[in-house]
Amino acid sequence: MIRAILTDIEGTTSSISFVKDVLFPYARAHLAEFVHANADDAAVRKALDEVSAIADQPLETDRAIDQLLAWIDEDRKITPLKALQGMIWEAGYRHGDFRGHMYPDAVEYLRRWRAAGLELFVYSSGSVQAQKLLFAHTDFGDLSGLFRDHFDTRIGAKTDPASYRAIQSRIGIPAEQLLFLSDIVAELDAARSAGLRTVQLVRDAQTTTAEHPVAHDFSEIDVEGR
């Protein structure tokens, strides 16, 4: 029996196009302005220091911005970049520039599962802050209260089985009672290697294998663990 569900966001609960066509361009367009305006903020300063550490050289603000923009263009999933994107998106949500996209079936079944007593968690390459913002600002209202906890790349890469073992340890539920939902086969492979149950969401034309159960939307997901 499944006791908890760990879900990805992009391509699973929310459309890939929302992230690719709305969130990423918004963050890129506002990055330089945001960093300059908030360079003395402790969280921004910490992120910039991490950029220098990853680049293995001290970077002045403008050079750090150039590095961040290069990482965006390379679609790199680097922690300080994700943290700064989350801060920029917070301002966008607050100003009403956009709302977090959610598939209606995901909203319906996340609510059903939570009401039935299942515990819900999120694991995404986007920062925890960005995750919480998305779920708090949707056309279906504030959904953030559905989730017990969130995980991002600070716990490890999504294609590394060790990340899922660390999450399972934090959650405190046996791996075989924890179901991971994602649209990415490599992530599902890593979760399965850590002992988790898996389901691949195939909303578009993703690659599938015979290794994982497939669902085209949340209504097809079996939480009985058969």
Protein backbone atom coordinates (compact mmCIF):
# COMPACT_ATOMS: atom_id res chain seq x y z
CA MET A 1 0.00 0.00 0.00
CA ILE A 2 1.28 3.45 -0.93
CA ARG A 3 1.51 5.77 2.08
CA ALA A 4 3.17 8.79 0.47
CA ILE A 5 3.62 10.34 -2.96
CA LEU A 6 6.69 12.24 -4.12
CA THR A 7 5.97 14.24 -7.25
CA ASP A 8 7.97 16.09 -9.85
CA ILE A 9 6.50 19.35 -11.18
CA GLU A 10 7.46 20.13 -14.79
CA GLY A 11 5.66 17.74 -17.15
CA THR A 12 3.95 16.02 -14.20
CA THR A 13 1.74 18.41 -12.22
CA SER A 14 2.39 21.38 -14.48
CA SER A 15 3.03 21.96 -18.16
CA ILE A 16 6.56 22.07 -19.52
CA SER A 17 5.55 25.08 -21.61
CA PHE A 18 4.69 27.14 -18.50
CA VAL A 19 8.20 26.68 -17.15
CA LYS A 20 9.96 27.01 -20.52
CA ASP A 21 7.86 29.78 -22.05
CA VAL A 22 6.83 31.84 -19.00
CA LEU A 23 9.03 31.32 -15.94
CA PHE A 24 12.47 30.94 -17.54
CA PRO A 25 12.16 33.92 -19.93
CA TYR A 26 10.78 36.08 -17.11
CA ALA A 27 13.72 35.27 -14.85
CA ARG A 28 16.24 35.87 -17.64
CA ALA A 29 14.72 39.22 -18.56
CA HIS A 30 14.72 40.45 -14.95
CA LEU A 31 17.94 38.86 -13.65
CA ALA A 32 20.37 41.77 -14.05
CA GLU A 33 17.92 44.36 -12.75
CA PHE A 34 16.98 42.18 -9.76
CA VAL A 35 20.57 41.37 -8.76
CA HIS A 36 21.71 45.00 -8.99
CA ALA A 37 18.70 46.19 -7.00
CA ASN A 38 19.16 43.54 -4.28
CA ALA A 39 22.92 42.94 -4.24
CA ASP A 40 23.10 43.78 -0.53
CA ASP A 41 20.33 41.34 0.41
CA ALA A 42 21.77 38.41 2.38
CA ALA A 43 20.11 35.71 0.26
CA VAL A 44 21.20 37.34 -3.00
CA ARG A 45 24.73 37.83 -1.68
CA LYS A 46 24.87 34.17 -0.64
CA ALA A 47 23.78 33.07 -4.12
CA LEU A 48 26.39 35.31 -5.77
CA ASP A 49 29.09 33.92 -3.47
CA GLU A 50 28.04 30.42 -4.52
CA VAL A 51 28.34 31.45 -8.19
CA SER A 52 31.94 32.51 -7.54
CA ALA A 53 32.65 29.26 -5.72
CA ILE A 54 31.29 27.16 -8.59
CA ALA A 55 33.19 29.27 -11.14
CA ASP A 56 36.29 28.76 -8.96
CA GLN A 57 37.17 32.45 -9.04
CA PRO A 58 35.87 35.65 -7.42
CA LEU A 59 33.33 37.32 -9.67
CA GLU A 60 32.20 40.92 -9.47
CA THR A 61 28.44 41.43 -9.71
CA ASP A 62 28.34 42.05 -13.47
CA ARG A 63 30.54 39.04 -14.21
CA ALA A 64 28.41 36.89 -11.90
CA ILE A 65 25.34 38.03 -13.83
CA ASP A 66 27.03 37.10 -17.11
CA GLN A 67 27.81 33.65 -15.69
CA LEU A 68 24.22 33.21 -14.54
CA LEU A 69 22.87 34.20 -17.95
CA ALA A 70 25.24 31.72 -19.61
CA TRP A 71 23.96 28.97 -17.31
CA ILE A 72 20.37 29.89 -18.19
CA ASP A 73 21.17 29.67 -21.91
CA GLU A 74 22.85 26.29 -21.32
CA ASP A 75 19.82 25.10 -19.28
CA ARG A 76 22.10 24.28 -16.36
CA LYS A 77 20.43 23.18 -13.13
CA ILE A 78 22.78 24.95 -10.72
CA THR A 79 21.65 25.68 -7.17
CA PRO A 80 22.45 29.43 -6.84
CA LEU A 81 20.84 30.06 -10.23
CA LYS A 82 17.70 28.23 -9.12
CA ALA A 83 17.68 30.23 -5.88
CA LEU A 84 17.87 33.56 -7.72
CA GLN A 85 15.22 32.47 -10.23
CA GLY A 86 12.94 31.68 -7.29
CA MET A 87 13.45 35.16 -5.84
CA ILE A 88 12.64 36.78 -9.19
CA TRP A 89 9.56 34.61 -9.67
CA GLU A 90 8.35 35.57 -6.19
CA ALA A 91 8.26 39.19 -7.32
CA GLY A 92 6.43 38.16 -10.50
CA TYR A 93 3.78 36.21 -8.60
CA ARG A 94 3.39 39.03 -6.10
CA HIS A 95 2.89 41.58 -8.87
CA GLY A 96 0.38 39.32 -10.65
CA ASP A 97 2.52 38.97 -13.77
CA PHE A 98 1.55 35.27 -14.03
CA ARG A 99 0.03 32.37 -12.07
CA GLY A 100 1.40 28.89 -11.55
CA HIS A 101 0.05 26.42 -14.10
CA MET A 102 -1.50 23.20 -12.80
CA TYR A 103 -3.17 20.38 -14.71
CA PRO A 104 -6.78 20.06 -13.45
CA ASP A 105 -6.40 16.29 -12.99
CA ALA A 106 -3.31 16.83 -10.83
CA VAL A 107 -5.18 19.26 -8.59
CA GLU A 108 -8.17 16.92 -8.28
CA TYR A 109 -6.16 13.86 -7.34
CA LEU A 110 -3.63 15.59 -5.10
CA ARG A 111 -6.59 16.85 -3.09
CA ARG A 112 -8.24 13.40 -3.10
CA TRP A 113 -5.07 11.65 -2.00
CA ARG A 114 -4.39 14.13 0.77
CA ALA A 115 -7.99 13.84 2.01
CA ALA A 116 -7.58 10.04 2.00
CA GLY A 117 -4.58 10.34 4.31
CA LEU A 118 -1.67 10.02 1.89
CA GLU A 119 1.26 12.32 2.58
CA LEU A 120 2.43 14.44 -0.35
CA PHE A 121 5.93 15.69 -1.14
CA VAL A 122 7.57 17.55 -4.03
CA TYR A 123 10.99 16.94 -5.60
CA SER A 124 11.97 19.27 -8.42
CA SER A 125 15.13 20.77 -9.88
CA GLY A 126 13.56 24.18 -9.22
CA SER A 127 14.35 25.62 -5.80
CA VAL A 128 12.09 24.85 -2.85
CA GLN A 129 11.13 28.53 -2.83
CA ALA A 130 10.10 28.36 -6.50
CA GLN A 131 8.10 25.19 -5.86
CA LYS A 132 6.18 26.75 -2.99
CA LEU A 133 5.47 29.89 -5.00
CA LEU A 134 4.04 27.91 -7.91
CA PHE A 135 1.67 25.90 -5.72
CA ALA A 136 0.64 28.96 -3.71
CA HIS A 137 -0.36 31.02 -6.77
CA THR A 138 -2.54 28.91 -9.08
CA ASP A 139 -5.90 29.37 -10.78
CA PHE A 140 -7.16 26.71 -8.33
CA GLY A 141 -6.13 28.76 -5.30
CA ASP A 142 -3.35 28.18 -2.80
CA LEU A 143 -2.40 24.49 -2.93
CA SER A 144 0.73 24.76 -0.79
CA GLY A 145 -1.02 23.28 2.25
CA LEU A 146 -1.33 19.90 0.49
CA PHE A 147 2.39 19.14 0.84
CA ARG A 148 4.32 18.08 3.92
CA ASP A 149 7.74 18.95 2.52
CA HIS A 150 9.69 19.98 -0.58
CA PHE A 151 13.06 18.88 -1.96
CA ASP A 152 15.34 20.40 -4.59
CA THR A 153 18.87 19.86 -5.92
CA ARG A 154 20.38 20.70 -2.54
CA ILE A 155 19.55 17.13 -1.54
CA GLY A 156 21.14 15.78 -4.75
CA ALA A 157 20.69 15.30 -8.48
CA LYS A 158 17.39 13.83 -9.64
CA THR A 159 19.17 11.11 -11.61
CA ASP A 160 21.19 9.92 -8.58
CA PRO A 161 19.67 7.07 -6.50
CA ALA A 162 21.36 8.53 -3.41
CA SER A 163 19.05 11.55 -3.65
CA TYR A 164 15.98 9.35 -3.30
CA ARG A 165 17.52 7.40 -0.43
CA ALA A 166 18.15 10.71 1.35
CA ILE A 167 14.58 11.85 0.71
CA GLN A 168 13.17 8.53 1.90
CA SER A 169 15.23 8.84 5.08
CA ARG A 170 13.95 12.36 5.67
CA ILE A 171 10.34 11.33 5.05
CA GLY A 172 10.64 8.30 7.32
CA ILE A 173 8.38 6.00 5.28
CA PRO A 174 9.66 2.68 3.85
CA ALA A 175 10.81 3.07 0.25
CA GLU A 176 8.36 0.47 -1.05
CA GLN A 177 5.48 2.57 0.35
CA LEU A 178 6.69 5.74 -1.37
CA LEU A 179 5.53 6.43 -4.95
CA PHE A 180 7.53 8.77 -7.20
CA LEU A 181 5.83 10.50 -10.14
CA SER A 182 7.83 11.99 -13.01
CA ASP A 183 7.85 12.32 -16.78
CA ILE A 184 11.60 11.59 -17.04
CA VAL A 185 12.76 7.97 -17.36
CA ALA A 186 16.25 8.65 -15.93
CA GLU A 187 14.72 10.10 -12.76
CA LEU A 188 12.34 7.16 -12.43
CA ASP A 189 15.24 4.73 -12.91
CA ALA A 190 17.13 6.40 -10.06
CA ALA A 191 14.09 6.33 -7.77
CA ARG A 192 13.44 2.66 -8.52
CA SER A 193 17.10 1.86 -7.79
CA ALA A 194 16.54 3.39 -4.34
CA GLY A 195 13.55 1.08 -3.79
CA LEU A 196 10.72 3.53 -4.50
CA ARG A 197 7.67 2.65 -6.58
CA THR A 198 7.37 4.68 -9.76
CA VAL A 199 4.87 5.92 -12.34
CA GLN A 200 5.78 7.81 -15.51
CA LEU A 201 3.45 10.63 -16.56
CA VAL A 202 3.19 10.68 -20.35
CA ARG A 203 1.22 13.79 -21.17
CA ASP A 204 2.96 14.47 -24.47
CA ALA A 205 5.45 12.48 -26.56
CA GLN A 206 8.03 11.55 -23.93
CA THR A 207 10.19 8.48 -24.30
CA THR A 208 8.78 5.51 -22.40
CA THR A 209 10.14 2.11 -21.47
CA ALA A 210 8.60 -1.10 -20.19
CA GLU A 211 10.36 -0.55 -16.87
CA HIS A 212 7.82 1.79 -15.27
CA PRO A 213 4.02 1.91 -15.11
CA VAL A 214 2.66 4.68 -17.33
CA ALA A 215 -0.20 7.14 -16.73
CA HIS A 216 -1.51 9.77 -19.12
CA ASP A 217 -2.95 11.79 -16.25
CA PHE A 218 -3.35 11.46 -12.50
CA SER A 219 -6.64 9.57 -12.78
CA GLU A 220 -4.70 6.56 -14.13
CA ILE A 221 -2.26 6.38 -11.20
CA ASP A 222 -2.72 3.36 -8.95
CA VAL A 223 -2.09 4.35 -5.33
CA GLU A 224 -3.06 0.91 -4.08
CA GLY A 225 0.44 -0.22 -5.05
CA ARG A 226 -0.61 -3.24 -7.07
